[in-house]
Amino acid sequence: PESFLKSAGNSGIHQVVGGVLGGSALRRPDRSDSSNILVIGSESKGISSNVLELISHKVSIPSAPGAPTESLNAAVACGILLHWFAVK
């Protein structure tokens, strides 16, 4: 994964977005360039530190006050994030 992400900028990738606990609040990406990569880590360990260093935008899924966000599994979190980026 690291070598792929390192070469992504040379391939026209606009930004590398990582879904992490405690990241910035989600915001709509720039629609003029849809060349983004979404990185999701494993449920138990998250994204490795080597890959985290290559992520340009760390985002989190907002939750209701008091709701545990860490209860989402990786597939559900990925689906929510993909929907968020796809909706115009």
C-alpha atoms as a PDB file:
ATOM      1  CA  PRO A   1       0.000   0.000   0.000  1.00  0.00           C
ATOM      2  CA  GLU A   2       2.779   2.488   0.812  1.00  0.00           C
ATOM      3  CA  SER A   3       4.424   2.323  -2.621  1.00  0.00           C
ATOM      4  CA  PHE A   4       1.048   2.706  -4.338  1.00  0.00           C
ATOM      5  CA  LEU A   5       0.154   5.775  -2.256  1.00  0.00           C
ATOM      6  CA  LYS A   6       3.605   7.314  -2.768  1.00  0.00           C
ATOM      7  CA  SER A   7       3.190   7.079  -6.532  1.00  0.00           C
ATOM      8  CA  ALA A   8      -0.447   8.226  -6.502  1.00  0.00           C
ATOM      9  CA  GLY A   9       0.440  11.910  -6.851  1.00  0.00           C
ATOM     10  CA  ASN A  10       2.252  11.162 -10.093  1.00  0.00           C
ATOM     11  CA  SER A  11      -0.889   9.402 -11.360  1.00  0.00           C
ATOM     12  CA  GLY A  12      -3.174  12.429 -11.036  1.00  0.00           C
ATOM     13  CA  ILE A  13      -4.633  11.595  -7.610  1.00  0.00           C
ATOM     14  CA  HIS A  14      -5.933  14.776  -6.002  1.00  0.00           C
ATOM     15  CA  GLN A  15      -5.905  13.687  -2.349  1.00  0.00           C
ATOM     16  CA  VAL A  16      -5.604  10.637  -0.131  1.00  0.00           C
ATOM     17  CA  VAL A  17      -8.413  10.529   2.433  1.00  0.00           C
ATOM     18  CA  GLY A  18      -8.235   8.234   5.450  1.00  0.00           C
ATOM     19  CA  GLY A  19     -11.103   7.273   7.710  1.00  0.00           C
ATOM     20  CA  VAL A  20      -9.733   7.513  11.250  1.00  0.00           C
ATOM     21  CA  LEU A  21     -11.109   7.862  14.742  1.00  0.00           C
ATOM     22  CA  GLY A  22     -10.655  11.469  15.855  1.00  0.00           C
ATOM     23  CA  GLY A  23     -10.090  12.925  12.366  1.00  0.00           C
ATOM     24  CA  SER A  24     -11.557  16.152  11.024  1.00  0.00           C
ATOM     25  CA  ALA A  25     -15.266  16.443  10.466  1.00  0.00           C
ATOM     26  CA  LEU A  26     -16.314  15.278   7.023  1.00  0.00           C
ATOM     27  CA  ARG A  27     -16.611  17.951   4.370  1.00  0.00           C
ATOM     28  CA  ARG A  28     -17.579  17.625   0.763  1.00  0.00           C
ATOM     29  CA  PRO A  29     -14.599  17.118  -1.534  1.00  0.00           C
ATOM     30  CA  ASP A  30     -13.828  19.448  -4.418  1.00  0.00           C
ATOM     31  CA  ARG A  31     -16.130  18.279  -7.221  1.00  0.00           C
ATOM     32  CA  SER A  32     -13.858  19.736  -9.916  1.00  0.00           C
ATOM     33  CA  ASP A  33     -11.463  16.838  -9.360  1.00  0.00           C
ATOM     34  CA  SER A  34     -12.839  13.476  -8.332  1.00  0.00           C
ATOM     35  CA  SER A  35      -9.466  11.716  -8.325  1.00  0.00           C
ATOM     36  CA  ASN A  36      -9.257  10.753  -4.681  1.00  0.00           C
ATOM     37  CA  ILE A  37      -8.239   7.620  -2.805  1.00  0.00           C
ATOM     38  CA  LEU A  38     -10.125   6.479   0.290  1.00  0.00           C
ATOM     39  CA  VAL A  39      -8.147   4.438   2.821  1.00  0.00           C
ATOM     40  CA  ILE A  40      -9.909   2.348   5.468  1.00  0.00           C
ATOM     41  CA  GLY A  41      -7.983   0.377   8.071  1.00  0.00           C
ATOM     42  CA  SER A  42      -8.770  -2.866   9.799  1.00  0.00           C
ATOM     43  CA  GLU A  43     -11.392  -2.913  12.518  1.00  0.00           C
ATOM     44  CA  SER A  44      -8.999  -3.891  15.287  1.00  0.00           C
ATOM     45  CA  LYS A  45      -5.856  -1.930  14.348  1.00  0.00           C
ATOM     46  CA  GLY A  46      -6.971   0.882  12.061  1.00  0.00           C
ATOM     47  CA  ILE A  47      -4.627   2.261   9.414  1.00  0.00           C
ATOM     48  CA  SER A  48      -0.952   1.387   9.864  1.00  0.00           C
ATOM     49  CA  SER A  49       1.396   4.198  10.912  1.00  0.00           C
ATOM     50  CA  ASN A  50       3.335   3.919   7.626  1.00  0.00           C
ATOM     51  CA  VAL A  51       0.157   4.500   5.615  1.00  0.00           C
ATOM     52  CA  LEU A  52      -1.128   7.211   8.004  1.00  0.00           C
ATOM     53  CA  GLU A  53       1.918   9.321   7.138  1.00  0.00           C
ATOM     54  CA  LEU A  54       0.841   9.323   3.474  1.00  0.00           C
ATOM     55  CA  ILE A  55      -2.759  10.446   4.073  1.00  0.00           C
ATOM     56  CA  SER A  56      -3.424  14.084   3.237  1.00  0.00           C
ATOM     57  CA  HIS A  57      -6.888  14.312   4.862  1.00  0.00           C
ATOM     58  CA  LYS A  58      -7.905  12.353   7.965  1.00  0.00           C
ATOM     59  CA  VAL A  59     -11.677  12.321   8.409  1.00  0.00           C
ATOM     60  CA  SER A  60     -14.163  10.848  10.865  1.00  0.00           C
ATOM     61  CA  ILE A  61     -17.822  10.003  10.599  1.00  0.00           C
ATOM     62  CA  PRO A  62     -19.850  12.320  12.829  1.00  0.00           C
ATOM     63  CA  SER A  63     -22.037  10.635  15.411  1.00  0.00           C
ATOM     64  CA  ALA A  64     -24.823  11.616  17.729  1.00  0.00           C
ATOM     65  CA  PRO A  65     -23.640  12.969  21.081  1.00  0.00           C
ATOM     66  CA  GLY A  66     -22.685  10.074  23.330  1.00  0.00           C
ATOM     67  CA  ALA A  67     -22.876   7.458  20.555  1.00  0.00           C
ATOM     68  CA  PRO A  68     -19.783   5.235  20.282  1.00  0.00           C
ATOM     69  CA  THR A  69     -18.277   5.722  16.800  1.00  0.00           C
ATOM     70  CA  GLU A  70     -15.824   2.878  17.286  1.00  0.00           C
ATOM     71  CA  SER A  71     -18.717   0.417  17.095  1.00  0.00           C
ATOM     72  CA  LEU A  72     -18.835   0.704  13.273  1.00  0.00           C
ATOM     73  CA  ASN A  73     -17.114  -2.093  11.416  1.00  0.00           C
ATOM     74  CA  ALA A  74     -14.772  -1.292   8.521  1.00  0.00           C
ATOM     75  CA  ALA A  75     -17.280  -2.233   5.803  1.00  0.00           C
ATOM     76  CA  VAL A  76     -20.038  -0.031   7.257  1.00  0.00           C
ATOM     77  CA  ALA A  77     -17.645   2.877   7.781  1.00  0.00           C
ATOM     78  CA  CYS A  78     -16.373   2.509   4.204  1.00  0.00           C
ATOM     79  CA  GLY A  79     -19.936   2.504   2.862  1.00  0.00           C
ATOM     80  CA  ILE A  80     -20.826   5.657   4.779  1.00  0.00           C
ATOM     81  CA  LEU A  81     -17.689   7.454   3.602  1.00  0.00           C
ATOM     82  CA  LEU A  82     -18.149   6.376  -0.020  1.00  0.00           C
ATOM     83  CA  HIS A  83     -21.742   7.616   0.068  1.00  0.00           C
ATOM     84  CA  TRP A  84     -20.640  10.911   1.591  1.00  0.00           C
ATOM     85  CA  PHE A  85     -18.133  11.506  -1.216  1.00  0.00           C
ATOM     86  CA  ALA A  86     -20.525  10.353  -3.957  1.00  0.00           C
ATOM     87  CA  VAL A  87     -23.542  12.525  -3.034  1.00  0.00           C
ATOM     88  CA  LYS A  88     -23.571  15.803  -4.915  1.00  0.00           C
END
